[in-house]
C-alpha atoms as a PDB file:
ATOM      1  CA  MET A   1     -13.221  24.406  28.994  1.00  0.00           C
ATOM      2  CA  ASN A   2     -15.797  22.007  30.343  1.00  0.00           C
ATOM      3  CA  LEU A   3     -18.426  20.410  27.752  1.00  0.00           C
ATOM      4  CA  ASP A   4     -21.789  19.568  29.354  1.00  0.00           C
ATOM      5  CA  LEU A   5     -23.294  16.747  26.696  1.00  0.00           C
ATOM      6  CA  GLY A   6     -25.939  16.390  29.015  1.00  0.00           C
ATOM      7  CA  ALA A   7     -26.997  20.245  29.046  1.00  0.00           C
ATOM      8  CA  ILE A   8     -26.380  20.312  24.938  1.00  0.00           C
ATOM      9  CA  MET A   9     -28.294  17.147  24.247  1.00  0.00           C
ATOM     10  CA  HIS A  10     -31.150  18.771  26.396  1.00  0.00           C
ATOM     11  CA  GLU A  11     -31.033  22.031  24.584  1.00  0.00           C
ATOM     12  CA  GLY A  12     -30.896  20.199  21.075  1.00  0.00           C
ATOM     13  CA  ILE A  13     -34.643  18.654  21.536  1.00  0.00           C
ATOM     14  CA  GLY A  14     -35.535  22.115  19.265  1.00  0.00           C
ATOM     15  CA  GLY A  15     -34.464  20.106  16.392  1.00  0.00           C
ATOM     16  CA  ARG A  16     -30.932  20.852  15.741  1.00  0.00           C
ATOM     17  CA  THR A  17     -28.474  18.271  15.614  1.00  0.00           C
ATOM     18  CA  LEU A  18     -25.837  17.311  18.005  1.00  0.00           C
ATOM     19  CA  HIS A  19     -23.269  18.342  14.995  1.00  0.00           C
ATOM     20  CA  ASN A  20     -24.449  21.777  15.000  1.00  0.00           C
ATOM     21  CA  ILE A  21     -24.793  22.591  18.819  1.00  0.00           C
ATOM     22  CA  LEU A  22     -21.081  21.034  19.704  1.00  0.00           C
ATOM     23  CA  GLU A  23     -20.032  23.510  16.828  1.00  0.00           C
ATOM     24  CA  GLN A  24     -21.894  26.456  18.552  1.00  0.00           C
ATOM     25  CA  HIS A  25     -20.714  25.908  21.917  1.00  0.00           C
ATOM     26  CA  CYS A  26     -17.252  24.882  21.176  1.00  0.00           C
ATOM     27  CA  ASN A  27     -14.799  25.567  18.110  1.00  0.00           C
ATOM     28  CA  ASN A  28     -11.946  23.557  19.224  1.00  0.00           C
ATOM     29  CA  VAL A  29     -13.889  19.978  19.237  1.00  0.00           C
ATOM     30  CA  LYS A  30     -12.045  17.263  18.573  1.00  0.00           C
ATOM     31  CA  LYS A  31     -12.075  16.129  15.118  1.00  0.00           C
ATOM     32  CA  PHE A  32     -11.189  13.061  12.746  1.00  0.00           C
ATOM     33  CA  PRO A  33     -10.973  13.926   9.028  1.00  0.00           C
ATOM     34  CA  LYS A  34     -12.939  12.166   6.550  1.00  0.00           C
ATOM     35  CA  THR A  35      -9.284  11.344   4.811  1.00  0.00           C
ATOM     36  CA  LYS A  36      -8.168   9.353   7.867  1.00  0.00           C
ATOM     37  CA  SER A  37     -11.407   7.560   7.944  1.00  0.00           C
ATOM     38  CA  ILE A  38     -11.075   6.526   4.282  1.00  0.00           C
ATOM     39  CA  GLY A  39      -7.264   5.760   4.792  1.00  0.00           C
ATOM     40  CA  ARG A  40      -7.980   3.361   7.506  1.00  0.00           C
ATOM     41  CA  ARG A  41     -10.798   1.760   5.551  1.00  0.00           C
ATOM     42  CA  GLY A  42      -7.878   1.080   2.445  1.00  0.00           C
ATOM     43  CA  VAL A  43      -5.365  -0.089   5.353  1.00  0.00           C
ATOM     44  CA  ALA A  44      -8.201  -2.731   6.474  1.00  0.00           C
ATOM     45  CA  PHE A  45      -9.149  -4.093   3.349  1.00  0.00           C
ATOM     46  CA  VAL A  46      -5.586  -5.043   2.598  1.00  0.00           C
ATOM     47  CA  GLU A  47      -4.932  -6.521   5.953  1.00  0.00           C
ATOM     48  CA  GLY A  48      -7.967  -8.396   5.029  1.00  0.00           C
ATOM     49  CA  ILE A  49      -6.968  -9.886   2.197  1.00  0.00           C
ATOM     50  CA  VAL A  50      -3.706 -10.535   3.146  1.00  0.00           C
ATOM     51  CA  SER A  51      -4.940 -12.242   5.881  1.00  0.00           C
ATOM     52  CA  ASP A  52      -7.398 -14.373   4.071  1.00  0.00           C
ATOM     53  CA  ALA A  53      -4.449 -15.422   1.766  1.00  0.00           C
ATOM     54  CA  GLY A  54      -2.971 -16.881   4.769  1.00  0.00           C
ATOM     55  CA  SER A  55       0.067 -14.103   4.636  1.00  0.00           C
ATOM     56  CA  ILE A  56       1.118 -11.440   6.882  1.00  0.00           C
ATOM     57  CA  PHE A  57       0.402  -7.653   6.609  1.00  0.00           C
ATOM     58  CA  ARG A  58       2.401  -5.391   9.088  1.00  0.00           C
ATOM     59  CA  GLU A  59       1.188  -1.798   9.463  1.00  0.00           C
ATOM     60  CA  ILE A  60       3.814   1.305   9.475  1.00  0.00           C
ATOM     61  CA  PRO A  61       2.658   3.301  12.257  1.00  0.00           C
ATOM     62  CA  GLU A  62       1.388   6.581  10.732  1.00  0.00           C
ATOM     63  CA  GLU A  63       4.095   8.958  12.631  1.00  0.00           C
ATOM     64  CA  THR A  64       6.918   6.934  10.856  1.00  0.00           C
ATOM     65  CA  ASP A  65       5.317   6.380   7.477  1.00  0.00           C
ATOM     66  CA  VAL A  66       7.569   8.391   4.447  1.00  0.00           C
ATOM     67  CA  GLY A  67       5.731   6.638   1.960  1.00  0.00           C
ATOM     68  CA  ILE A  68       5.371   3.078   2.977  1.00  0.00           C
ATOM     69  CA  ASP A  69       2.169   2.284   4.492  1.00  0.00           C
ATOM     70  CA  GLY A  70       3.053  -1.663   5.423  1.00  0.00           C
ATOM     71  CA  TYR A  71       4.617  -4.754   4.561  1.00  0.00           C
ATOM     72  CA  ILE A  72       3.191  -7.559   3.278  1.00  0.00           C
ATOM     73  CA  GLU A  73       5.395 -11.157   4.044  1.00  0.00           C
ATOM     74  CA  PHE A  74       4.139 -14.261   2.242  1.00  0.00           C
ATOM     75  CA  VAL A  75       3.812 -17.372   3.866  1.00  0.00           C
ATOM     76  CA  GLU A  76       3.714 -20.688   2.211  1.00  0.00           C
ATOM     77  CA  LYS A  77       1.853 -23.835   3.810  1.00  0.00           C
ATOM     78  CA  GLU A  78       2.367 -21.871   7.349  1.00  0.00           C
ATOM     79  CA  ILE A  79       5.763 -21.396   6.719  1.00  0.00           C
ATOM     80  CA  VAL A  80       7.088 -17.799   7.128  1.00  0.00           C
ATOM     81  CA  THR A  81       9.226 -17.232   3.564  1.00  0.00           C
ATOM     82  CA  GLY A  82      10.840 -13.851   4.915  1.00  0.00           C
ATOM     83  CA  THR A  83       9.808 -12.640   1.430  1.00  0.00           C
ATOM     84  CA  LEU A  84       8.556  -9.034   2.050  1.00  0.00           C
ATOM     85  CA  VAL A  85       6.715  -6.307  -0.290  1.00  0.00           C
ATOM     86  CA  ALA A  86       6.665  -2.837   0.811  1.00  0.00           C
ATOM     87  CA  VAL A  87       3.061  -1.357   0.052  1.00  0.00           C
ATOM     88  CA  GLN A  88       1.685   1.777  -0.917  1.00  0.00           C
ATOM     89  CA  ILE A  89      -2.455   1.884  -0.209  1.00  0.00           C
ATOM     90  CA  LYS A  90      -4.227   4.699  -2.423  1.00  0.00           C
ATOM     91  CA  THR A  91      -7.943   4.549  -0.881  1.00  0.00           C
ATOM     92  CA  GLY A  92     -11.104   6.786  -2.126  1.00  0.00           C
ATOM     93  CA  PRO A  93     -12.384   7.931  -5.261  1.00  0.00           C
ATOM     94  CA  SER A  94      -9.673  10.728  -5.317  1.00  0.00           C
ATOM     95  CA  TYR A  95      -7.625   8.056  -6.903  1.00  0.00           C
ATOM     96  CA  THR A  96     -10.208   7.244  -9.768  1.00  0.00           C
ATOM     97  CA  LYS A  97     -10.576   9.133 -13.130  1.00  0.00           C
ATOM     98  CA  GLU A  98     -12.988   8.353 -15.832  1.00  0.00           C
ATOM     99  CA  ARG A  99     -11.658   8.437 -19.474  1.00  0.00           C
ATOM    100  CA  LYS A 100     -12.864   7.850 -22.738  1.00  0.00           C
ATOM    101  CA  SER A 101     -11.452   4.260 -22.604  1.00  0.00           C
ATOM    102  CA  GLY A 102     -13.092   3.878 -18.786  1.00  0.00           C
ATOM    103  CA  LEU A 103     -12.594   4.305 -15.193  1.00  0.00           C
ATOM    104  CA  PHE A 104      -8.921   4.152 -14.287  1.00  0.00           C
ATOM    105  CA  PHE A 105      -7.206   4.547 -10.942  1.00  0.00           C
ATOM    106  CA  GLU A 106      -4.708   6.935 -10.884  1.00  0.00           C
ATOM    107  CA  VAL A 107      -1.982   8.214  -8.663  1.00  0.00           C
ATOM    108  CA  THR A 108       0.938  10.770  -9.387  1.00  0.00           C
ATOM    109  CA  LEU A 109       4.181   9.975  -7.857  1.00  0.00           C
ATOM    110  CA  SER A 110       6.745  12.994  -7.239  1.00  0.00           C
ATOM    111  CA  LYS A 111      10.348  13.075  -7.766  1.00  0.00           C
ATOM    112  CA  ASN A 112      10.962  12.380  -4.427  1.00  0.00           C
ATOM    113  CA  ASP A 113       8.744   9.328  -4.459  1.00  0.00           C
ATOM    114  CA  VAL A 114       9.938   8.040  -7.524  1.00  0.00           C
ATOM    115  CA  ASN A 115      13.957   8.433  -5.919  1.00  0.00           C
ATOM    116  CA  TYR A 116      12.556   6.782  -2.800  1.00  0.00           C
ATOM    117  CA  LEU A 117      10.715   3.753  -4.267  1.00  0.00           C
ATOM    118  CA  HIS A 118      13.835   3.466  -6.674  1.00  0.00           C
ATOM    119  CA  ILE A 119      16.464   2.947  -4.188  1.00  0.00           C
ATOM    120  CA  HIS A 120      14.218   0.822  -1.161  1.00  0.00           C
ATOM    121  CA  GLN A 121      15.489  -2.658  -0.887  1.00  0.00           C
ATOM    122  CA  LEU A 122      12.415  -4.378  -1.047  1.00  0.00           C
ATOM    123  CA  PRO A 123       9.794  -4.290  -4.316  1.00  0.00           C
ATOM    124  CA  THR A 124       7.312  -2.014  -4.009  1.00  0.00           C
ATOM    125  CA  ALA A 125       3.768  -2.453  -5.182  1.00  0.00           C
ATOM    126  CA  VAL A 126       0.648   0.410  -5.126  1.00  0.00           C
ATOM    127  CA  ILE A 127      -2.778  -1.118  -4.028  1.00  0.00           C
ATOM    128  CA  PHE A 128      -6.037   0.780  -4.766  1.00  0.00           C
ATOM    129  CA  TYR A 129      -9.143   0.763  -3.176  1.00  0.00           C
ATOM    130  CA  GLU A 130     -12.395   2.665  -4.102  1.00  0.00           C
ATOM    131  CA  PRO A 131     -14.903   1.456  -1.010  1.00  0.00           C
ATOM    132  CA  GLU A 132     -17.874   2.728  -2.009  1.00  0.00           C
ATOM    133  CA  SER A 133     -17.799   0.628  -5.292  1.00  0.00           C
ATOM    134  CA  ASN A 134     -15.613  -2.159  -3.925  1.00  0.00           C
ATOM    135  CA  LEU A 135     -13.384  -1.518  -6.659  1.00  0.00           C
ATOM    136  CA  SER A 136      -9.707  -2.558  -5.996  1.00  0.00           C
ATOM    137  CA  GLY A 137      -6.199  -2.892  -8.350  1.00  0.00           C
ATOM    138  CA  TRP A 138      -2.382  -3.042  -7.837  1.00  0.00           C
ATOM    139  CA  LEU A 139       0.700  -2.513  -9.523  1.00  0.00           C
ATOM    140  CA  ASP A 140       4.224  -3.607  -9.524  1.00  0.00           C
ATOM    141  CA  VAL A 141       5.910  -0.222  -8.874  1.00  0.00           C
ATOM    142  CA  THR A 142       9.490  -1.773  -8.680  1.00  0.00           C
ATOM    143  CA  GLY A 143       9.073  -3.017 -12.424  1.00  0.00           C
ATOM    144  CA  TYR A 144       7.339  -0.248 -13.746  1.00  0.00           C
ATOM    145  CA  LEU A 145      10.298   2.019 -12.576  1.00  0.00           C
ATOM    146  CA  ARG A 146      12.743  -0.584 -13.999  1.00  0.00           C
ATOM    147  CA  SER A 147      11.055  -0.684 -17.356  1.00  0.00           C
ATOM    148  CA  ASP A 148      12.507   2.970 -18.421  1.00  0.00           C
ATOM    149  CA  GLN A 149      15.331   4.833 -16.700  1.00  0.00           C
ATOM    150  CA  ALA A 150      14.107   8.211 -17.949  1.00  0.00           C
ATOM    151  CA  LEU A 151      11.086   7.682 -15.448  1.00  0.00           C
ATOM    152  CA  LEU A 152      14.005   8.694 -12.839  1.00  0.00           C
ATOM    153  CA  GLU A 153      14.728  12.208 -14.706  1.00  0.00           C
ATOM    154  CA  LYS A 154      11.238  13.302 -14.509  1.00  0.00           C
ATOM    155  CA  GLU A 155       9.490  16.002 -11.999  1.00  0.00           C
ATOM    156  CA  SER A 156       6.735  13.509 -11.404  1.00  0.00           C
ATOM    157  CA  VAL A 157       5.504  10.015 -12.579  1.00  0.00           C
ATOM    158  CA  LYS A 158       1.640   9.207 -13.041  1.00  0.00           C
ATOM    159  CA  LEU A 159       0.433   5.401 -12.811  1.00  0.00           C
ATOM    160  CA  ALA A 160      -2.555   4.412 -14.360  1.00  0.00           C
ATOM    161  CA  LEU A 161      -4.478   1.125 -13.928  1.00  0.00           C
ATOM    162  CA  ARG A 162      -7.805   0.354 -15.524  1.00  0.00           C
ATOM    163  CA  CYS A 163     -10.306  -0.667 -13.146  1.00  0.00           C
ATOM    164  CA  GLY A 164     -10.979  -4.119 -13.132  1.00  0.00           C
ATOM    165  CA  ASP A 165      -7.627  -5.056 -14.730  1.00  0.00           C
ATOM    166  CA  LYS A 166      -5.226  -6.846 -11.555  1.00  0.00           C
ATOM    167  CA  LEU A 167      -8.045  -7.111  -8.894  1.00  0.00           C
ATOM    168  CA  PHE A 168      -6.387  -7.454  -5.686  1.00  0.00           C
ATOM    169  CA  ASN A 169      -8.424 -10.262  -3.894  1.00  0.00           C
ATOM    170  CA  PRO A 170      -7.346 -13.359  -1.748  1.00  0.00           C
ATOM    171  CA  GLN A 171      -7.565 -15.877  -5.292  1.00  0.00           C
ATOM    172  CA  THR A 172      -5.629 -13.104  -7.065  1.00  0.00           C
ATOM    173  CA  PHE A 173      -3.140 -12.641  -4.723  1.00  0.00           C
ATOM    174  CA  GLN A 174      -2.267 -16.174  -4.685  1.00  0.00           C
ATOM    175  CA  LYS A 175      -1.885 -16.502  -8.615  1.00  0.00           C
ATOM    176  CA  GLU A 176      -0.624 -13.389  -9.274  1.00  0.00           C
ATOM    177  CA  PHE A 177       1.029 -11.053  -7.091  1.00  0.00           C
ATOM    178  CA  LYS A 178       2.618 -13.390  -4.841  1.00  0.00           C
ATOM    179  CA  GLN A 179       4.439 -14.621  -8.135  1.00  0.00           C
ATOM    180  CA  VAL A 180       5.471 -11.021  -9.296  1.00  0.00           C
ATOM    181  CA  PHE A 181       7.157 -10.260  -5.667  1.00  0.00           C
ATOM    182  CA  GLN A 182       8.566 -13.720  -5.169  1.00  0.00           C
ATOM    183  CA  ASP A 183      10.420 -13.396  -8.337  1.00  0.00           C
ATOM    184  CA  TYR A 184      12.448 -10.437  -7.023  1.00  0.00           C
ATOM    185  CA  ARG A 185      13.531 -12.767  -4.120  1.00  0.00           C
ATOM    186  CA  ILE A 186      14.475 -15.294  -6.863  1.00  0.00           C
ATOM    187  CA  GLU A 187      16.403 -12.290  -8.614  1.00  0.00           C
ATOM    188  CA  VAL A 188      18.278 -11.481  -5.262  1.00  0.00           C
ATOM    189  CA  ASP A 189      19.249 -14.914  -4.563  1.00  0.00           C
ATOM    190  CA  ARG A 190      20.352 -15.822  -7.664  1.00  0.00           C
ATOM    191  CA  SER A 191      22.466 -12.552  -7.559  1.00  0.00           C
ATOM    192  CA  HIS A 192      24.144 -13.819  -4.164  1.00  0.00           C
ATOM    193  CA  PHE A 193      24.960 -17.304  -5.102  1.00  0.00           C
ATOM    194  CA  VAL A 194      26.599 -15.977  -8.294  1.00  0.00           C
ATOM    195  CA  GLU A 195      28.676 -13.816  -5.825  1.00  0.00           C
ATOM    196  CA  LEU A 196      29.659 -16.139  -3.843  1.00  0.00           C
ATOM    197  CA  MET A 197      30.801 -18.647  -6.787  1.00  0.00           C
ATOM    198  CA  ALA A 198      33.306 -15.884  -7.788  1.00  0.00           C
ATOM    199  CA  SER A 199      34.873 -15.931  -3.979  1.00  0.00           C
ATOM    200  CA  GLN A 200      38.489 -16.893  -3.675  1.00  0.00           C
ATOM    201  CA  ASP A 201      37.375 -18.721  -0.519  1.00  0.00           C
ATOM    202  CA  PRO A 202      36.635 -22.169  -1.151  1.00  0.00           C
ATOM    203  CA  ASN A 203      34.046 -22.465   1.550  1.00  0.00           C
ATOM    204  CA  ARG A 204      32.106 -19.559   0.060  1.00  0.00           C
ATOM    205  CA  LYS A 205      32.241 -21.037  -3.283  1.00  0.00           C
ATOM    206  CA  TYR A 206      30.821 -24.078  -2.190  1.00  0.00           C
ATOM    207  CA  LEU A 207      27.819 -22.797  -0.872  1.00  0.00           C
ATOM    208  CA  GLY A 208      27.541 -21.010  -4.290  1.00  0.00           C
ATOM    209  CA  PHE A 209      27.107 -24.109  -6.062  1.00  0.00           C
ATOM    210  CA  LEU A 210      25.029 -25.549  -3.489  1.00  0.00           C
ATOM    211  CA  GLY A 211      22.542 -22.717  -4.508  1.00  0.00           C
END
């Protein structure tokens, strides 16, 4: 169907908005859902914070997003470390809830979500962002799931964080967020070196002691 926007605009002089006229002339107009717009603001926010802190954010294309929205790679003094964190980004007022004790970020993970994040080779963080009030926060999902194995048996798991706690900005990224997730890398490295030291191969054993 050909849509003559010039004619529509001329017809709209009577006071109707362009949106009203477009709806009248064509029910199959292209639309960009508000949820996508809000989601894009969240991705832009996270990428901006990570870039300001001197590290790297890599977004996962929507068509291959199965629960992880992107990866953060830490950079130290312009040296790319290879240390990665998988991140989920939850954006908008639907992830905030007013309680008697204050305003909280909140998200519910299905059993499938929990199982996927539990077996993921990388540590995972959830980052909340509410653009209208410019509130943000983050949680160590991997650490939370490790803290209680019973969570893995539940049909759903609710993650909650008081708004104002664990802010996500360039300063907290460097001093708090990075430290938490770098510790996972240290844990993996330590396990690797222990494995090398237990090897019967003298060369591998030597590399383990070097670590």
